[in-house]
Amino acid sequence: MQFKYSDGGRKDSGFSGYKKSDCVVRAIAIASGKPYKEVYESLEQRNQEYADNGWGRVAKALRKKGSAPSRGNFKKIYHEYIQSIGFEWISCMGIGTGCKVHLKASELPMGNLIARVSKHLVAIIDGVMHDTHDCSRAETRCVYGYYKVKA
């Protein structure tokens, strides 16, 4: 899979100090074409709302660490946001099925995708990985699933 360096507009949005834990914001901004700052602020608002009104492990963790997406993101929150902006989830793996799809251009469809791999989200546009580093592990990294634009 080809790799193209992209910070998703992070530096241009004034978030140049954030280097860790922003893969969710970065991947969504790249794949959706939305400005990094808009995605960041939307996720921050959703995090804060969940911290204020939610219960359980995720709400408790958000209250403790704060709602800033630069401190990490929870699937429970980003999943709903990605779907709300016109993407659908396609699962590539089930319990006990093993890895069937890898971070490899020939195993993923064309178009704008947000692939979920272990502890990371990455934008893939027409078979090209857009990220701050090549996270494919020489095309052996397993893809749990991906978001693609609804048809």
N, C-alpha and C. Protein backbone atom coordinates (compact mmCIF):
# COMPACT_ATOMS: atom_id res chain seq x y z
N MET A 1 0.85 -1.18 0.00
CA MET A 1 0.00 0.00 0.00
C MET A 1 0.89 1.23 0.00
N GLN A 2 0.56 2.16 -0.86
CA GLN A 2 1.32 3.41 -0.90
C GLN A 2 1.00 4.23 0.35
N PHE A 3 1.95 5.05 0.74
CA PHE A 3 1.80 5.89 1.92
C PHE A 3 2.03 7.34 1.53
N LYS A 4 1.16 8.21 2.03
CA LYS A 4 1.31 9.65 1.81
C LYS A 4 1.22 10.33 3.18
N TYR A 5 2.23 11.12 3.52
CA TYR A 5 2.22 11.83 4.80
C TYR A 5 1.10 12.86 4.81
N SER A 6 0.32 12.87 5.89
CA SER A 6 -0.71 13.89 6.08
C SER A 6 -1.04 14.00 7.56
N ASP A 7 -1.08 15.22 8.05
CA ASP A 7 -1.51 15.42 9.45
C ASP A 7 -2.98 15.82 9.51
N GLY A 8 -3.66 15.79 8.39
CA GLY A 8 -5.09 16.07 8.35
C GLY A 8 -5.44 17.53 8.53
N GLY A 9 -4.45 18.41 8.47
CA GLY A 9 -4.68 19.83 8.69
C GLY A 9 -4.44 20.25 10.12
N ARG A 10 -3.87 19.36 10.92
CA ARG A 10 -3.62 19.64 12.34
C ARG A 10 -2.75 20.88 12.52
N LYS A 11 -1.63 20.93 11.84
CA LYS A 11 -0.69 22.04 11.99
C LYS A 11 -1.32 23.36 11.53
N ASP A 12 -2.02 23.32 10.40
CA ASP A 12 -2.65 24.53 9.87
C ASP A 12 -3.79 25.04 10.74
N SER A 13 -4.33 24.16 11.59
CA SER A 13 -5.44 24.54 12.48
C SER A 13 -4.96 25.05 13.83
N GLY A 14 -3.64 25.13 14.01
CA GLY A 14 -3.11 25.62 15.27
C GLY A 14 -2.96 24.55 16.33
N PHE A 15 -3.01 23.29 15.93
CA PHE A 15 -2.88 22.19 16.87
C PHE A 15 -1.52 21.51 16.71
N SER A 16 -0.50 22.27 16.40
CA SER A 16 0.80 21.68 16.07
C SER A 16 1.46 20.96 17.23
N GLY A 17 1.07 21.24 18.45
CA GLY A 17 1.67 20.57 19.60
C GLY A 17 1.18 19.15 19.80
N TYR A 18 0.03 18.80 19.19
CA TYR A 18 -0.55 17.47 19.39
C TYR A 18 0.09 16.50 18.41
N LYS A 19 0.76 15.52 18.95
CA LYS A 19 1.40 14.53 18.10
C LYS A 19 0.89 13.12 18.41
N LYS A 20 0.35 12.92 19.58
CA LYS A 20 -0.13 11.61 19.99
C LYS A 20 -1.64 11.63 20.18
N SER A 21 -2.21 10.49 20.01
CA SER A 21 -3.63 10.26 20.32
C SER A 21 -4.61 11.06 19.49
N ASP A 22 -4.18 11.61 18.37
CA ASP A 22 -5.15 12.34 17.55
C ASP A 22 -5.48 11.60 16.26
N CYS A 23 -5.19 10.30 16.19
CA CYS A 23 -5.43 9.56 14.96
C CYS A 23 -6.91 9.57 14.57
N VAL A 24 -7.80 9.58 15.54
CA VAL A 24 -9.23 9.59 15.24
C VAL A 24 -9.60 10.89 14.53
N VAL A 25 -9.21 12.01 15.10
CA VAL A 25 -9.50 13.31 14.50
C VAL A 25 -8.86 13.40 13.12
N ARG A 26 -7.61 13.03 13.03
CA ARG A 26 -6.85 13.10 11.78
C ARG A 26 -7.48 12.25 10.68
N ALA A 27 -7.80 11.00 10.98
CA ALA A 27 -8.38 10.10 9.98
C ALA A 27 -9.74 10.60 9.50
N ILE A 28 -10.57 11.07 10.42
CA ILE A 28 -11.89 11.58 10.03
C ILE A 28 -11.74 12.82 9.16
N ALA A 29 -10.86 13.74 9.55
CA ALA A 29 -10.66 14.97 8.76
C ALA A 29 -10.17 14.63 7.35
N ILE A 30 -9.24 13.72 7.23
CA ILE A 30 -8.70 13.37 5.92
C ILE A 30 -9.76 12.69 5.05
N ALA A 31 -10.40 11.66 5.57
CA ALA A 31 -11.36 10.89 4.77
C ALA A 31 -12.62 11.67 4.43
N SER A 32 -13.07 12.53 5.34
CA SER A 32 -14.31 13.28 5.11
C SER A 32 -14.10 14.59 4.38
N GLY A 33 -12.87 15.10 4.42
CA GLY A 33 -12.59 16.41 3.82
C GLY A 33 -12.99 17.56 4.73
N LYS A 34 -13.42 17.25 5.94
CA LYS A 34 -13.78 18.30 6.89
C LYS A 34 -12.51 18.89 7.51
N PRO A 35 -12.56 20.18 7.89
CA PRO A 35 -11.41 20.78 8.55
C PRO A 35 -11.10 20.09 9.88
N TYR A 36 -9.82 19.94 10.19
CA TYR A 36 -9.36 19.29 11.42
C TYR A 36 -10.02 19.93 12.63
N LYS A 37 -10.04 21.26 12.67
CA LYS A 37 -10.59 21.97 13.83
C LYS A 37 -12.07 21.66 14.02
N GLU A 38 -12.82 21.56 12.94
CA GLU A 38 -14.24 21.24 13.03
C GLU A 38 -14.45 19.84 13.61
N VAL A 39 -13.68 18.88 13.14
CA VAL A 39 -13.79 17.51 13.64
C VAL A 39 -13.39 17.46 15.11
N TYR A 40 -12.29 18.12 15.45
CA TYR A 40 -11.80 18.15 16.83
C TYR A 40 -12.88 18.72 17.76
N GLU A 41 -13.45 19.87 17.38
CA GLU A 41 -14.45 20.52 18.23
C GLU A 41 -15.73 19.70 18.34
N SER A 42 -16.12 19.02 17.26
CA SER A 42 -17.32 18.16 17.31
C SER A 42 -17.11 17.00 18.26
N LEU A 43 -15.94 16.36 18.17
CA LEU A 43 -15.66 15.24 19.08
C LEU A 43 -15.52 15.71 20.52
N GLU A 44 -14.91 16.87 20.70
CA GLU A 44 -14.77 17.41 22.06
C GLU A 44 -16.14 17.68 22.68
N GLN A 45 -17.06 18.24 21.90
CA GLN A 45 -18.41 18.52 22.39
C GLN A 45 -19.13 17.20 22.74
N ARG A 46 -19.01 16.21 21.87
CA ARG A 46 -19.65 14.92 22.13
C ARG A 46 -19.05 14.25 23.37
N ASN A 47 -17.72 14.35 23.52
CA ASN A 47 -17.06 13.80 24.71
C ASN A 47 -17.59 14.46 25.97
N GLN A 48 -17.70 15.79 25.94
CA GLN A 48 -18.16 16.53 27.12
C GLN A 48 -19.60 16.18 27.46
N GLU A 49 -20.45 16.09 26.43
CA GLU A 49 -21.85 15.73 26.66
C GLU A 49 -21.95 14.33 27.27
N TYR A 50 -21.13 13.42 26.78
CA TYR A 50 -21.17 12.06 27.32
C TYR A 50 -20.65 12.03 28.75
N ALA A 51 -19.60 12.79 29.01
CA ALA A 51 -19.05 12.86 30.38
C ALA A 51 -20.09 13.43 31.35
N ASP A 52 -20.84 14.43 30.89
CA ASP A 52 -21.83 15.08 31.75
C ASP A 52 -23.09 14.23 31.96
N ASN A 53 -23.50 13.51 30.93
CA ASN A 53 -24.79 12.83 30.97
C ASN A 53 -24.71 11.31 30.96
N GLY A 54 -23.56 10.78 30.63
CA GLY A 54 -23.43 9.33 30.51
C GLY A 54 -23.10 8.67 31.84
N TRP A 55 -23.05 7.36 31.79
CA TRP A 55 -22.67 6.59 32.95
C TRP A 55 -21.79 5.44 32.48
N GLY A 56 -21.13 4.80 33.39
CA GLY A 56 -20.30 3.66 33.03
C GLY A 56 -18.84 4.05 32.85
N ARG A 57 -18.07 3.09 32.36
CA ARG A 57 -16.62 3.21 32.23
C ARG A 57 -16.19 4.39 31.36
N VAL A 58 -16.83 4.58 30.21
CA VAL A 58 -16.43 5.64 29.28
C VAL A 58 -16.69 7.02 29.89
N ALA A 59 -17.87 7.23 30.44
CA ALA A 59 -18.19 8.52 31.06
C ALA A 59 -17.24 8.82 32.22
N LYS A 60 -16.97 7.83 33.03
CA LYS A 60 -16.07 8.01 34.16
C LYS A 60 -14.66 8.37 33.68
N ALA A 61 -14.18 7.69 32.65
CA ALA A 61 -12.85 7.99 32.11
C ALA A 61 -12.80 9.40 31.52
N LEU A 62 -13.86 9.82 30.84
CA LEU A 62 -13.89 11.17 30.27
C LEU A 62 -13.90 12.23 31.36
N ARG A 63 -14.62 11.98 32.44
CA ARG A 63 -14.64 12.94 33.55
C ARG A 63 -13.25 13.05 34.17
N LYS A 64 -12.53 11.95 34.20
CA LYS A 64 -11.21 11.94 34.82
C LYS A 64 -10.15 12.59 33.93
N LYS A 65 -10.12 12.26 32.65
CA LYS A 65 -9.05 12.75 31.77
C LYS A 65 -9.42 14.01 31.00
N GLY A 66 -10.69 14.37 30.98
CA GLY A 66 -11.13 15.54 30.24
C GLY A 66 -11.67 15.15 28.87
N SER A 67 -12.30 16.09 28.22
CA SER A 67 -13.01 15.79 26.98
C SER A 67 -12.19 16.06 25.72
N ALA A 68 -10.96 16.52 25.87
CA ALA A 68 -10.14 16.85 24.70
C ALA A 68 -9.81 15.60 23.88
N PRO A 69 -10.15 15.59 22.59
CA PRO A 69 -9.83 14.44 21.73
C PRO A 69 -8.33 14.18 21.61
N SER A 70 -7.51 15.16 21.93
CA SER A 70 -6.06 14.97 21.85
C SER A 70 -5.55 14.03 22.94
N ARG A 71 -6.41 13.70 23.88
CA ARG A 71 -6.03 12.78 24.97
C ARG A 71 -6.54 11.37 24.72
N GLY A 72 -6.98 11.11 23.51
CA GLY A 72 -7.50 9.80 23.17
C GLY A 72 -9.01 9.85 22.97
N ASN A 73 -9.53 8.85 22.28
CA ASN A 73 -10.95 8.82 21.94
C ASN A 73 -11.52 7.44 22.18
N PHE A 74 -12.80 7.40 22.47
CA PHE A 74 -13.49 6.15 22.71
C PHE A 74 -14.35 5.80 21.50
N LYS A 75 -14.33 4.52 21.12
CA LYS A 75 -15.09 4.06 19.97
C LYS A 75 -16.58 4.40 20.12
N LYS A 76 -17.08 4.25 21.32
CA LYS A 76 -18.50 4.52 21.58
C LYS A 76 -18.91 5.90 21.08
N ILE A 77 -18.01 6.86 21.18
CA ILE A 77 -18.33 8.23 20.80
C ILE A 77 -17.97 8.52 19.34
N TYR A 78 -16.76 8.15 18.92
CA TYR A 78 -16.38 8.47 17.54
C TYR A 78 -17.18 7.66 16.52
N HIS A 79 -17.62 6.45 16.88
CA HIS A 79 -18.41 5.62 15.96
C HIS A 79 -19.69 6.35 15.54
N GLU A 80 -20.41 6.87 16.53
CA GLU A 80 -21.66 7.59 16.23
C GLU A 80 -21.40 8.86 15.42
N TYR A 81 -20.31 9.55 15.73
CA TYR A 81 -19.98 10.77 14.99
C TYR A 81 -19.67 10.45 13.53
N ILE A 82 -18.86 9.44 13.28
CA ILE A 82 -18.49 9.09 11.91
C ILE A 82 -19.75 8.71 11.12
N GLN A 83 -20.65 7.96 11.74
CA GLN A 83 -21.89 7.61 11.05
C GLN A 83 -22.76 8.84 10.80
N SER A 84 -22.73 9.79 11.70
CA SER A 84 -23.57 10.99 11.55
C SER A 84 -23.11 11.89 10.40
N ILE A 85 -21.86 11.72 9.95
CA ILE A 85 -21.37 12.56 8.84
C ILE A 85 -21.39 11.80 7.51
N GLY A 86 -22.13 10.69 7.46
CA GLY A 86 -22.38 10.02 6.19
C GLY A 86 -21.56 8.78 5.88
N PHE A 87 -20.94 8.18 6.88
CA PHE A 87 -20.19 6.95 6.67
C PHE A 87 -20.96 5.78 7.26
N GLU A 88 -20.70 4.58 6.73
CA GLU A 88 -21.26 3.36 7.30
C GLU A 88 -20.13 2.42 7.68
N TRP A 89 -20.37 1.59 8.69
CA TRP A 89 -19.37 0.66 9.21
C TRP A 89 -19.47 -0.67 8.48
N ILE A 90 -18.33 -1.16 8.01
CA ILE A 90 -18.23 -2.47 7.38
C ILE A 90 -17.26 -3.29 8.23
N SER A 91 -17.76 -4.34 8.85
CA SER A 91 -16.92 -5.18 9.71
C SER A 91 -16.15 -6.19 8.85
N CYS A 92 -14.90 -6.39 9.19
CA CYS A 92 -14.05 -7.34 8.47
C CYS A 92 -13.65 -8.52 9.35
N MET A 93 -14.09 -8.51 10.60
CA MET A 93 -13.62 -9.52 11.54
C MET A 93 -14.70 -9.78 12.58
N GLY A 94 -14.81 -11.02 12.97
CA GLY A 94 -15.74 -11.38 14.02
C GLY A 94 -15.01 -12.18 15.08
N ILE A 95 -15.67 -12.46 16.16
CA ILE A 95 -15.05 -13.22 17.24
C ILE A 95 -14.72 -14.62 16.73
N GLY A 96 -13.46 -14.97 16.83
CA GLY A 96 -13.00 -16.29 16.43
C GLY A 96 -12.78 -16.50 14.94
N THR A 97 -12.94 -15.46 14.14
CA THR A 97 -12.80 -15.64 12.69
C THR A 97 -11.37 -15.49 12.20
N GLY A 98 -10.55 -14.83 12.98
CA GLY A 98 -9.18 -14.57 12.53
C GLY A 98 -9.15 -13.42 11.55
N CYS A 99 -7.96 -13.04 11.15
CA CYS A 99 -7.78 -11.90 10.27
C CYS A 99 -8.03 -12.28 8.82
N LYS A 100 -8.95 -11.57 8.17
CA LYS A 100 -9.27 -11.84 6.78
C LYS A 100 -8.90 -10.69 5.86
N VAL A 101 -8.82 -9.48 6.41
CA VAL A 101 -8.48 -8.30 5.61
C VAL A 101 -7.29 -7.61 6.27
N HIS A 102 -6.30 -7.28 5.46
CA HIS A 102 -5.10 -6.61 5.94
C HIS A 102 -5.04 -5.19 5.39
N LEU A 103 -4.19 -4.38 5.97
CA LEU A 103 -4.00 -3.01 5.51
C LEU A 103 -3.19 -3.07 4.21
N LYS A 104 -3.89 -3.45 3.17
CA LYS A 104 -3.31 -3.72 1.86
C LYS A 104 -4.29 -3.24 0.80
N ALA A 105 -3.82 -2.48 -0.16
CA ALA A 105 -4.70 -1.87 -1.16
C ALA A 105 -5.57 -2.89 -1.88
N SER A 106 -5.03 -4.06 -2.19
CA SER A 106 -5.77 -5.07 -2.93
C SER A 106 -6.89 -5.72 -2.11
N GLU A 107 -6.88 -5.54 -0.80
CA GLU A 107 -7.89 -6.16 0.06
C GLU A 107 -8.96 -5.17 0.54
N LEU A 108 -8.83 -3.91 0.14
CA LEU A 108 -9.79 -2.88 0.55
C LEU A 108 -10.42 -2.24 -0.69
N PRO A 109 -11.66 -1.78 -0.58
CA PRO A 109 -12.30 -1.14 -1.73
C PRO A 109 -11.72 0.26 -2.00
N MET A 110 -11.96 0.76 -3.18
CA MET A 110 -11.55 2.11 -3.54
C MET A 110 -12.52 3.09 -2.87
N GLY A 111 -12.12 4.35 -2.82
CA GLY A 111 -12.94 5.38 -2.21
C GLY A 111 -12.29 5.90 -0.94
N ASN A 112 -13.03 6.73 -0.22
CA ASN A 112 -12.54 7.30 1.03
C ASN A 112 -12.97 6.39 2.18
N LEU A 113 -11.96 5.86 2.88
CA LEU A 113 -12.21 4.93 3.97
C LEU A 113 -11.52 5.41 5.24
N ILE A 114 -12.07 5.00 6.37
CA ILE A 114 -11.41 5.16 7.67
C ILE A 114 -11.29 3.74 8.20
N ALA A 115 -10.07 3.21 8.20
CA ALA A 115 -9.85 1.84 8.63
C ALA A 115 -9.53 1.80 10.12
N ARG A 116 -10.12 0.82 10.81
CA ARG A 116 -9.83 0.61 12.22
C ARG A 116 -8.91 -0.60 12.35
N VAL A 117 -7.74 -0.35 12.90
CA VAL A 117 -6.77 -1.40 13.17
C VAL A 117 -6.49 -1.35 14.68
N SER A 118 -5.63 -2.21 15.18
CA SER A 118 -5.40 -2.22 16.62
C SER A 118 -4.91 -0.87 17.11
N LYS A 119 -5.66 -0.29 18.04
CA LYS A 119 -5.32 0.97 18.70
C LYS A 119 -5.05 2.13 17.75
N HIS A 120 -5.71 2.15 16.59
CA HIS A 120 -5.42 3.20 15.61
C HIS A 120 -6.54 3.29 14.58
N LEU A 121 -6.78 4.50 14.06
CA LEU A 121 -7.61 4.72 12.89
C LEU A 121 -6.73 5.36 11.83
N VAL A 122 -6.94 4.98 10.58
CA VAL A 122 -6.14 5.52 9.49
C VAL A 122 -7.04 5.79 8.28
N ALA A 123 -6.79 6.92 7.60
CA ALA A 123 -7.54 7.26 6.40
C ALA A 123 -6.90 6.59 5.20
N ILE A 124 -7.74 6.02 4.35
CA ILE A 124 -7.27 5.41 3.11
C ILE A 124 -8.12 5.99 1.99
N ILE A 125 -7.46 6.59 1.02
CA ILE A 125 -8.17 7.18 -0.11
C ILE A 125 -7.67 6.52 -1.38
N ASP A 126 -8.59 5.81 -2.04
CA ASP A 126 -8.29 5.10 -3.29
C ASP A 126 -7.02 4.26 -3.18
N GLY A 127 -6.91 3.50 -2.10
CA GLY A 127 -5.80 2.58 -1.92
C GLY A 127 -4.52 3.20 -1.41
N VAL A 128 -4.54 4.47 -1.06
CA VAL A 128 -3.34 5.15 -0.55
C VAL A 128 -3.59 5.53 0.91
N MET A 129 -2.67 5.12 1.78
CA MET A 129 -2.76 5.42 3.20
C MET A 129 -2.32 6.86 3.45
N HIS A 130 -3.15 7.63 4.14
CA HIS A 130 -2.84 9.02 4.49
C HIS A 130 -2.73 9.09 6.00
N ASP A 131 -1.53 9.31 6.52
CA ASP A 131 -1.30 9.31 7.96
C ASP A 131 0.04 9.99 8.23
N THR A 132 0.40 10.08 9.50
CA THR A 132 1.69 10.67 9.84
C THR A 132 2.80 9.63 9.84
N HIS A 133 2.44 8.36 9.69
CA HIS A 133 3.43 7.28 9.61
C HIS A 133 2.82 6.09 8.89
N ASP A 134 3.66 5.22 8.36
CA ASP A 134 3.19 4.02 7.70
C ASP A 134 2.86 2.99 8.78
N CYS A 135 1.58 2.79 9.00
CA CYS A 135 1.15 1.89 10.08
C CYS A 135 0.76 0.50 9.56
N SER A 136 1.09 0.18 8.33
CA SER A 136 0.64 -1.07 7.72
C SER A 136 1.40 -2.31 8.17
N ARG A 137 2.55 -2.11 8.81
CA ARG A 137 3.39 -3.24 9.23
C ARG A 137 3.69 -4.14 8.02
N ALA A 138 4.18 -3.50 6.97
CA ALA A 138 4.51 -4.20 5.72
C ALA A 138 3.30 -4.96 5.17
N GLU A 139 2.13 -4.32 5.24
CA GLU A 139 0.86 -4.84 4.74
C GLU A 139 0.38 -6.10 5.45
N THR A 140 0.83 -6.31 6.69
CA THR A 140 0.38 -7.47 7.46
C THR A 140 -0.59 -7.10 8.57
N ARG A 141 -0.82 -5.82 8.79
CA ARG A 141 -1.68 -5.40 9.90
C ARG A 141 -3.13 -5.71 9.59
N CYS A 142 -3.79 -6.30 10.54
CA CYS A 142 -5.18 -6.72 10.39
C CYS A 142 -6.13 -5.53 10.49
N VAL A 143 -7.11 -5.49 9.59
CA VAL A 143 -8.15 -4.46 9.61
C VAL A 143 -9.38 -5.07 10.28
N TYR A 144 -9.81 -4.45 11.38
CA TYR A 144 -11.00 -4.93 12.08
C TYR A 144 -12.27 -4.58 11.30
N GLY A 145 -12.19 -3.47 10.59
CA GLY A 145 -13.33 -3.00 9.81
C GLY A 145 -13.00 -1.62 9.30
N TYR A 146 -13.91 -1.05 8.52
CA TYR A 146 -13.68 0.29 8.00
C TYR A 146 -15.00 1.01 7.80
N TYR A 147 -14.90 2.29 7.80
CA TYR A 147 -16.05 3.16 7.49
C TYR A 147 -15.89 3.60 6.05
N LYS A 148 -16.97 3.57 5.31
CA LYS A 148 -16.95 4.08 3.94
C LYS A 148 -18.17 4.98 3.75
N VAL A 149 -18.07 5.87 2.80
CA VAL A 149 -19.17 6.79 2.52
C VAL A 149 -20.38 5.99 2.07
N LYS A 150 -21.53 6.28 2.64
CA LYS A 150 -22.76 5.58 2.27
C LYS A 150 -23.05 5.82 0.80
N ALA A 151 -23.52 4.78 0.14
CA ALA A 151 -23.83 4.87 -1.30
C ALA A 151 -25.13 5.60 -1.53
